[in-house]
Amino acid sequence: MLNKEDVIRKIFEFHGNEAVYVTNTGYISRDIFKLFPENKNIFYMQGSMGASPAIGLGIALNSDKDVVVFVGDGSFLMHLGI
């Protein structure tokens, strides 16, 4: 069974360094920063619970790059209308 760190690494391996990553408030942002502190394509959304999917969608609509959004269930429920 994979742990959280393994899953995050696999996602980054699959999408690569050119993808844009948007993280949500909470521990997932801290975990990703710990694993990839030098990656400049990560947008950390600290303190904006539920807004990361909308920001990721806006980036995806205006870019040819892969856009990956990490969001927890509680934050996702904050803005289901997205």
PDB file of N, CA and C in Angstrom:
ATOM      1  N   MET A   1       0.840  -1.177   0.000  1.00  0.00           N
ATOM      2  CA  MET A   1       0.000   0.000   0.000  1.00  0.00           C
ATOM      3  C   MET A   1       0.886   1.242   0.000  1.00  0.00           C
ATOM      4  N   LEU A   2       0.528   2.197  -0.837  1.00  0.00           N
ATOM      5  CA  LEU A   2       1.293   3.431  -0.925  1.00  0.00           C
ATOM      6  C   LEU A   2       0.909   4.391   0.196  1.00  0.00           C
ATOM      7  N   ASN A   3       1.901   5.104   0.696  1.00  0.00           N
ATOM      8  CA  ASN A   3       1.588   6.155   1.664  1.00  0.00           C
ATOM      9  C   ASN A   3       1.423   7.481   0.914  1.00  0.00           C
ATOM     10  N   LYS A   4       1.060   8.534   1.623  1.00  0.00           N
ATOM     11  CA  LYS A   4       0.782   9.833   1.004  1.00  0.00           C
ATOM     12  C   LYS A   4       1.986  10.361   0.230  1.00  0.00           C
ATOM     13  N   GLU A   5       3.165  10.245   0.803  1.00  0.00           N
ATOM     14  CA  GLU A   5       4.374  10.733   0.148  1.00  0.00           C
ATOM     15  C   GLU A   5       4.618  10.000  -1.171  1.00  0.00           C
ATOM     16  N   ASP A   6       4.420   8.680  -1.188  1.00  0.00           N
ATOM     17  CA  ASP A   6       4.597   7.896  -2.414  1.00  0.00           C
ATOM     18  C   ASP A   6       3.616   8.331  -3.496  1.00  0.00           C
ATOM     19  N   VAL A   7       2.385   8.574  -3.112  1.00  0.00           N
ATOM     20  CA  VAL A   7       1.368   9.003  -4.077  1.00  0.00           C
ATOM     21  C   VAL A   7       1.722  10.364  -4.664  1.00  0.00           C
ATOM     22  N   ILE A   8       2.135  11.289  -3.818  1.00  0.00           N
ATOM     23  CA  ILE A   8       2.525  12.621  -4.300  1.00  0.00           C
ATOM     24  C   ILE A   8       3.687  12.500  -5.283  1.00  0.00           C
ATOM     25  N   ARG A   9       4.682  11.710  -4.947  1.00  0.00           N
ATOM     26  CA  ARG A   9       5.839  11.523  -5.846  1.00  0.00           C
ATOM     27  C   ARG A   9       5.403  10.937  -7.193  1.00  0.00           C
ATOM     28  N   LYS A  10       4.510   9.966  -7.171  1.00  0.00           N
ATOM     29  CA  LYS A  10       4.027   9.351  -8.415  1.00  0.00           C
ATOM     30  C   LYS A  10       3.273  10.353  -9.283  1.00  0.00           C
ATOM     31  N   ILE A  11       2.490  11.203  -8.661  1.00  0.00           N
ATOM     32  CA  ILE A  11       1.766  12.230  -9.415  1.00  0.00           C
ATOM     33  C   ILE A  11       2.751  13.191 -10.073  1.00  0.00           C
ATOM     34  N   PHE A  12       3.770  13.618  -9.330  1.00  0.00           N
ATOM     35  CA  PHE A  12       4.772  14.517  -9.892  1.00  0.00           C
ATOM     36  C   PHE A  12       5.588  13.827 -10.981  1.00  0.00           C
ATOM     37  N   GLU A  13       5.896  12.550 -10.815  1.00  0.00           N
ATOM     38  CA  GLU A  13       6.608  11.798 -11.853  1.00  0.00           C
ATOM     39  C   GLU A  13       5.782  11.730 -13.129  1.00  0.00           C
ATOM     40  N   PHE A  14       4.490  11.466 -12.990  1.00  0.00           N
ATOM     41  CA  PHE A  14       3.611  11.304 -14.141  1.00  0.00           C
ATOM     42  C   PHE A  14       3.473  12.615 -14.923  1.00  0.00           C
ATOM     43  N   HIS A  15       3.274  13.720 -14.226  1.00  0.00           N
ATOM     44  CA  HIS A  15       3.033  15.003 -14.897  1.00  0.00           C
ATOM     45  C   HIS A  15       4.311  15.778 -15.187  1.00  0.00           C
ATOM     46  N   GLY A  16       5.373  15.524 -14.472  1.00  0.00           N
ATOM     47  CA  GLY A  16       6.667  16.137 -14.747  1.00  0.00           C
ATOM     48  C   GLY A  16       6.847  17.538 -14.186  1.00  0.00           C
ATOM     49  N   ASN A  17       8.027  18.078 -14.423  1.00  0.00           N
ATOM     50  CA  ASN A  17       8.397  19.385 -13.876  1.00  0.00           C
ATOM     51  C   ASN A  17       7.773  20.555 -14.627  1.00  0.00           C
ATOM     52  N   GLU A  18       7.276  20.320 -15.831  1.00  0.00           N
ATOM     53  CA  GLU A  18       6.689  21.406 -16.614  1.00  0.00           C
ATOM     54  C   GLU A  18       5.229  21.661 -16.259  1.00  0.00           C
ATOM     55  N   ALA A  19       4.595  20.734 -15.574  1.00  0.00           N
ATOM     56  CA  ALA A  19       3.200  20.908 -15.179  1.00  0.00           C
ATOM     57  C   ALA A  19       3.090  22.000 -14.122  1.00  0.00           C
ATOM     58  N   VAL A  20       1.894  22.542 -13.992  1.00  0.00           N
ATOM     59  CA  VAL A  20       1.607  23.531 -12.951  1.00  0.00           C
ATOM     60  C   VAL A  20       0.829  22.810 -11.857  1.00  0.00           C
ATOM     61  N   TYR A  21       1.252  22.996 -10.618  1.00  0.00           N
ATOM     62  CA  TYR A  21       0.613  22.344  -9.478  1.00  0.00           C
ATOM     63  C   TYR A  21       0.017  23.409  -8.569  1.00  0.00           C
ATOM     64  N   VAL A  22      -1.221  23.194  -8.156  1.00  0.00           N
ATOM     65  CA  VAL A  22      -1.890  24.092  -7.226  1.00  0.00           C
ATOM     66  C   VAL A  22      -2.216  23.274  -5.988  1.00  0.00           C
ATOM     67  N   THR A  23      -1.746  23.742  -4.845  1.00  0.00           N
ATOM     68  CA  THR A  23      -2.014  23.006  -3.606  1.00  0.00           C
ATOM     69  C   THR A  23      -3.036  23.751  -2.768  1.00  0.00           C
ATOM     70  N   ASN A  24      -3.679  23.020  -1.929  1.00  0.00           N
ATOM     71  CA  ASN A  24      -4.732  23.546  -1.077  1.00  0.00           C
ATOM     72  C   ASN A  24      -4.178  23.896   0.290  1.00  0.00           C
ATOM     73  N   THR A  25      -4.967  24.551   1.058  1.00  0.00           N
ATOM     74  CA  THR A  25      -4.586  24.861   2.424  1.00  0.00           C
ATOM     75  C   THR A  25      -4.442  23.567   3.229  1.00  0.00           C
ATOM     76  N   GLY A  26      -3.578  23.564   4.192  1.00  0.00           N
ATOM     77  CA  GLY A  26      -3.461  22.399   5.065  1.00  0.00           C
ATOM     78  C   GLY A  26      -2.182  21.613   4.875  1.00  0.00           C
ATOM     79  N   TYR A  27      -2.218  20.379   5.351  1.00  0.00           N
ATOM     80  CA  TYR A  27      -1.017  19.550   5.383  1.00  0.00           C
ATOM     81  C   TYR A  27      -0.508  19.162   4.010  1.00  0.00           C
ATOM     82  N   ILE A  28      -1.390  19.063   3.020  1.00  0.00           N
ATOM     83  CA  ILE A  28      -0.927  18.666   1.695  1.00  0.00           C
ATOM     84  C   ILE A  28       0.077  19.680   1.144  1.00  0.00           C
ATOM     85  N   SER A  29      -0.141  20.957   1.394  1.00  0.00           N
ATOM     86  CA  SER A  29       0.816  21.982   0.953  1.00  0.00           C
ATOM     87  C   SER A  29       2.158  21.805   1.648  1.00  0.00           C
ATOM     88  N   ARG A  30       2.117  21.540   2.919  1.00  0.00           N
ATOM     89  CA  ARG A  30       3.365  21.342   3.671  1.00  0.00           C
ATOM     90  C   ARG A  30       4.107  20.101   3.174  1.00  0.00           C
ATOM     91  N   ASP A  31       3.368  19.033   2.908  1.00  0.00           N
ATOM     92  CA  ASP A  31       3.998  17.797   2.424  1.00  0.00           C
ATOM     93  C   ASP A  31       4.640  18.005   1.062  1.00  0.00           C
ATOM     94  N   ILE A  32       3.956  18.707   0.178  1.00  0.00           N
ATOM     95  CA  ILE A  32       4.504  18.950  -1.155  1.00  0.00           C
ATOM     96  C   ILE A  32       5.712  19.874  -1.082  1.00  0.00           C
ATOM     97  N   PHE A  33       5.653  20.903  -0.255  1.00  0.00           N
ATOM     98  CA  PHE A  33       6.808  21.786  -0.106  1.00  0.00           C
ATOM     99  C   PHE A  33       8.009  21.028   0.442  1.00  0.00           C
ATOM    100  N   LYS A  34       7.766  20.127   1.378  1.00  0.00           N
ATOM    101  CA  LYS A  34       8.855  19.328   1.949  1.00  0.00           C
ATOM    102  C   LYS A  34       9.513  18.455   0.880  1.00  0.00           C
ATOM    103  N   LEU A  35       8.716  17.911  -0.040  1.00  0.00           N
ATOM    104  CA  LEU A  35       9.238  17.019  -1.073  1.00  0.00           C
ATOM    105  C   LEU A  35       9.855  17.765  -2.250  1.00  0.00           C
ATOM    106  N   PHE A  36       9.317  18.934  -2.588  1.00  0.00           N
ATOM    107  CA  PHE A  36       9.746  19.654  -3.790  1.00  0.00           C
ATOM    108  C   PHE A  36       9.965  21.142  -3.509  1.00  0.00           C
ATOM    109  N   PRO A  37      10.868  21.481  -2.601  1.00  0.00           N
ATOM    110  CA  PRO A  37      11.042  22.893  -2.226  1.00  0.00           C
ATOM    111  C   PRO A  37      11.585  23.769  -3.352  1.00  0.00           C
ATOM    112  N   GLU A  38      12.240  23.195  -4.347  1.00  0.00           N
ATOM    113  CA  GLU A  38      12.853  23.973  -5.426  1.00  0.00           C
ATOM    114  C   GLU A  38      11.946  24.127  -6.642  1.00  0.00           C
ATOM    115  N   ASN A  39      10.824  23.422  -6.677  1.00  0.00           N
ATOM    116  CA  ASN A  39       9.935  23.472  -7.845  1.00  0.00           C
ATOM    117  C   ASN A  39       9.219  24.820  -7.891  1.00  0.00           C
ATOM    118  N   LYS A  40       9.417  25.545  -8.980  1.00  0.00           N
ATOM    119  CA  LYS A  40       8.835  26.894  -9.132  1.00  0.00           C
ATOM    120  C   LYS A  40       7.445  26.858  -9.762  1.00  0.00           C
ATOM    121  N   ASN A  41       6.955  25.680 -10.135  1.00  0.00           N
ATOM    122  CA  ASN A  41       5.645  25.568 -10.767  1.00  0.00           C
ATOM    123  C   ASN A  41       4.560  25.134  -9.789  1.00  0.00           C
ATOM    124  N   ILE A  42       4.783  25.367  -8.515  1.00  0.00           N
ATOM    125  CA  ILE A  42       3.793  25.015  -7.494  1.00  0.00           C
ATOM    126  C   ILE A  42       3.235  26.314  -6.907  1.00  0.00           C
ATOM    127  N   PHE A  43       1.914  26.425  -6.942  1.00  0.00           N
ATOM    128  CA  PHE A  43       1.232  27.596  -6.396  1.00  0.00           C
ATOM    129  C   PHE A  43       0.573  27.174  -5.085  1.00  0.00           C
ATOM    130  N   TYR A  44       1.083  27.664  -3.980  1.00  0.00           N
ATOM    131  CA  TYR A  44       0.598  27.282  -2.659  1.00  0.00           C
ATOM    132  C   TYR A  44      -0.548  28.194  -2.240  1.00  0.00           C
ATOM    133  N   MET A  45      -1.707  27.634  -2.020  1.00  0.00           N
ATOM    134  CA  MET A  45      -2.907  28.399  -1.688  1.00  0.00           C
ATOM    135  C   MET A  45      -3.193  28.345  -0.182  1.00  0.00           C
ATOM    136  N   GLN A  46      -2.262  28.782   0.609  1.00  0.00           N
ATOM    137  CA  GLN A  46      -2.446  28.779   2.057  1.00  0.00           C
ATOM    138  C   GLN A  46      -3.523  29.773   2.462  1.00  0.00           C
ATOM    139  N   GLY A  47      -4.461  29.321   3.267  1.00  0.00           N
ATOM    140  CA  GLY A  47      -5.472  30.200   3.825  1.00  0.00           C
ATOM    141  C   GLY A  47      -6.666  30.475   2.932  1.00  0.00           C
ATOM    142  N   SER A  48      -6.809  29.756   1.842  1.00  0.00           N
ATOM    143  CA  SER A  48      -7.945  29.996   0.948  1.00  0.00           C
ATOM    144  C   SER A  48      -8.723  28.694   0.749  1.00  0.00           C
ATOM    145  N   MET A  49      -9.308  28.245   1.810  1.00  0.00           N
ATOM    146  CA  MET A  49      -9.975  26.944   1.802  1.00  0.00           C
ATOM    147  C   MET A  49     -11.029  26.862   0.701  1.00  0.00           C
ATOM    148  N   GLY A  50     -10.852  25.913  -0.206  1.00  0.00           N
ATOM    149  CA  GLY A  50     -11.820  25.651  -1.249  1.00  0.00           C
ATOM    150  C   GLY A  50     -11.591  26.385  -2.549  1.00  0.00           C
ATOM    151  N   ALA A  51     -10.655  27.303  -2.622  1.00  0.00           N
ATOM    152  CA  ALA A  51     -10.468  28.097  -3.835  1.00  0.00           C
ATOM    153  C   ALA A  51      -9.505  27.476  -4.841  1.00  0.00           C
ATOM    154  N   SER A  52      -8.723  26.492  -4.438  1.00  0.00           N
ATOM    155  CA  SER A  52      -7.707  25.955  -5.348  1.00  0.00           C
ATOM    156  C   SER A  52      -8.279  25.312  -6.611  1.00  0.00           C
ATOM    157  N   PRO A  53      -9.424  24.608  -6.583  1.00  0.00           N
ATOM    158  CA  PRO A  53      -9.954  24.073  -7.849  1.00  0.00           C
ATOM    159  C   PRO A  53     -10.312  25.178  -8.848  1.00  0.00           C
ATOM    160  N   ALA A  54     -10.872  26.283  -8.390  1.00  0.00           N
ATOM    161  CA  ALA A  54     -11.209  27.382  -9.289  1.00  0.00           C
ATOM    162  C   ALA A  54      -9.956  28.018  -9.869  1.00  0.00           C
ATOM    163  N   ILE A  55      -8.932  28.151  -9.057  1.00  0.00           N
ATOM    164  CA  ILE A  55      -7.670  28.722  -9.541  1.00  0.00           C
ATOM    165  C   ILE A  55      -7.026  27.779 -10.548  1.00  0.00           C
ATOM    166  N   GLY A  56      -7.031  26.494 -10.245  1.00  0.00           N
ATOM    167  CA  GLY A  56      -6.497  25.511 -11.185  1.00  0.00           C
ATOM    168  C   GLY A  56      -7.248  25.505 -12.504  1.00  0.00           C
ATOM    169  N   LEU A  57      -8.563  25.624 -12.450  1.00  0.00           N
ATOM    170  CA  LEU A  57      -9.372  25.674 -13.662  1.00  0.00           C
ATOM    171  C   LEU A  57      -9.023  26.912 -14.489  1.00  0.00           C
ATOM    172  N   GLY A  58      -8.870  28.045 -13.828  1.00  0.00           N
ATOM    173  CA  GLY A  58      -8.490  29.268 -14.534  1.00  0.00           C
ATOM    174  C   GLY A  58      -7.132  29.140 -15.202  1.00  0.00           C
ATOM    175  N   ILE A  59      -6.179  28.536 -14.524  1.00  0.00           N
ATOM    176  CA  ILE A  59      -4.849  28.324 -15.114  1.00  0.00           C
ATOM    177  C   ILE A  59      -4.964  27.378 -16.305  1.00  0.00           C
ATOM    178  N   ALA A  60      -5.710  26.289 -16.156  1.00  0.00           N
ATOM    179  CA  ALA A  60      -5.838  25.293 -17.221  1.00  0.00           C
ATOM    180  C   ALA A  60      -6.489  25.873 -18.472  1.00  0.00           C
ATOM    181  N   LEU A  61      -7.445  26.761 -18.292  1.00  0.00           N
ATOM    182  CA  LEU A  61      -8.122  27.364 -19.440  1.00  0.00           C
ATOM    183  C   LEU A  61      -7.234  28.347 -20.199  1.00  0.00           C
ATOM    184  N   ASN A  62      -6.143  28.767 -19.575  1.00  0.00           N
ATOM    185  CA  ASN A  62      -5.257  29.761 -20.175  1.00  0.00           C
ATOM    186  C   ASN A  62      -3.838  29.258 -20.381  1.00  0.00           C
ATOM    187  N   SER A  63      -3.661  27.943 -20.418  1.00  0.00           N
ATOM    188  CA  SER A  63      -2.331  27.372 -20.549  1.00  0.00           C
ATOM    189  C   SER A  63      -2.412  26.042 -21.298  1.00  0.00           C
ATOM    190  N   ASP A  64      -1.326  25.696 -21.966  1.00  0.00           N
ATOM    191  CA  ASP A  64      -1.240  24.389 -22.617  1.00  0.00           C
ATOM    192  C   ASP A  64      -0.599  23.346 -21.709  1.00  0.00           C
ATOM    193  N   LYS A  65      -0.183  23.758 -20.530  1.00  0.00           N
ATOM    194  CA  LYS A  65       0.482  22.844 -19.599  1.00  0.00           C
ATOM    195  C   LYS A  65      -0.536  21.999 -18.845  1.00  0.00           C
ATOM    196  N   ASP A  66      -0.076  20.849 -18.362  1.00  0.00           N
ATOM    197  CA  ASP A  66      -0.899  20.075 -17.434  1.00  0.00           C
ATOM    198  C   ASP A  66      -1.064  20.886 -16.159  1.00  0.00           C
ATOM    199  N   VAL A  67      -2.255  20.861 -15.593  1.00  0.00           N
ATOM    200  CA  VAL A  67      -2.512  21.542 -14.324  1.00  0.00           C
ATOM    201  C   VAL A  67      -3.057  20.503 -13.361  1.00  0.00           C
ATOM    202  N   VAL A  68      -2.399  20.366 -12.213  1.00  0.00           N
ATOM    203  CA  VAL A  68      -2.782  19.391 -11.201  1.00  0.00           C
ATOM    204  C   VAL A  68      -3.146  20.147  -9.934  1.00  0.00           C
ATOM    205  N   VAL A  69      -4.329  19.867  -9.397  1.00  0.00           N
ATOM    206  CA  VAL A  69      -4.784  20.529  -8.183  1.00  0.00           C
ATOM    207  C   VAL A  69      -4.883  19.491  -7.073  1.00  0.00           C
ATOM    208  N   PHE A  70      -4.246  19.773  -5.960  1.00  0.00           N
ATOM    209  CA  PHE A  70      -4.344  18.931  -4.769  1.00  0.00           C
ATOM    210  C   PHE A  70      -5.320  19.606  -3.817  1.00  0.00           C
ATOM    211  N   VAL A  71      -6.423  18.943  -3.519  1.00  0.00           N
ATOM    212  CA  VAL A  71      -7.436  19.529  -2.646  1.00  0.00           C
ATOM    213  C   VAL A  71      -8.015  18.424  -1.760  1.00  0.00           C
ATOM    214  N   GLY A  72      -8.243  18.753  -0.517  1.00  0.00           N
ATOM    215  CA  GLY A  72      -8.824  17.799   0.411  1.00  0.00           C
ATOM    216  C   GLY A  72     -10.340  17.792   0.325  1.00  0.00           C
ATOM    217  N   ASP A  73     -10.943  16.778   0.893  1.00  0.00           N
ATOM    218  CA  ASP A  73     -12.393  16.627   0.789  1.00  0.00           C
ATOM    219  C   ASP A  73     -13.142  17.777   1.452  1.00  0.00           C
ATOM    220  N   GLY A  74     -12.698  18.233   2.602  1.00  0.00           N
ATOM    221  CA  GLY A  74     -13.380  19.322   3.287  1.00  0.00           C
ATOM    222  C   GLY A  74     -13.315  20.623   2.509  1.00  0.00           C
ATOM    223  N   SER A  75     -12.152  20.916   1.948  1.00  0.00           N
ATOM    224  CA  SER A  75     -12.009  22.136   1.162  1.00  0.00           C
ATOM    225  C   SER A  75     -12.803  22.043  -0.130  1.00  0.00           C
ATOM    226  N   PHE A  76     -12.833  20.876  -0.736  1.00  0.00           N
ATOM    227  CA  PHE A  76     -13.580  20.698  -1.969  1.00  0.00           C
ATOM    228  C   PHE A  76     -15.069  20.942  -1.723  1.00  0.00           C
ATOM    229  N   LEU A  77     -15.544  20.508  -0.574  1.00  0.00           N
ATOM    230  CA  LEU A  77     -16.958  20.703  -0.244  1.00  0.00           C
ATOM    231  C   LEU A  77     -17.318  22.169  -0.022  1.00  0.00           C
ATOM    232  N   MET A  78     -16.319  23.009   0.232  1.00  0.00           N
ATOM    233  CA  MET A  78     -16.578  24.440   0.441  1.00  0.00           C
ATOM    234  C   MET A  78     -17.104  25.114  -0.828  1.00  0.00           C
ATOM    235  N   HIS A  79     -16.708  24.605  -1.992  1.00  0.00           N
ATOM    236  CA  HIS A  79     -17.071  25.248  -3.265  1.00  0.00           C
ATOM    237  C   HIS A  79     -17.478  24.189  -4.290  1.00  0.00           C
ATOM    238  N   LEU A  80     -18.496  23.420  -4.007  1.00  0.00           N
ATOM    239  CA  LEU A  80     -18.929  22.388  -4.930  1.00  0.00           C
ATOM    240  C   LEU A  80     -19.384  22.958  -6.269  1.00  0.00           C
ATOM    241  N   GLY A  81     -19.819  24.188  -6.309  1.00  0.00           N
ATOM    242  CA  GLY A  81     -20.291  24.800  -7.539  1.00  0.00           C
ATOM    243  C   GLY A  81     -19.216  25.017  -8.590  1.00  0.00           C
ATOM    244  N   ILE A  82     -17.977  24.881  -8.189  1.00  0.00           N
ATOM    245  CA  ILE A  82     -16.889  25.058  -9.142  1.00  0.00           C
ATOM    246  C   ILE A  82     -16.985  23.971 -10.169  1.00  0.00           C
TER     247      ILE A  82
END
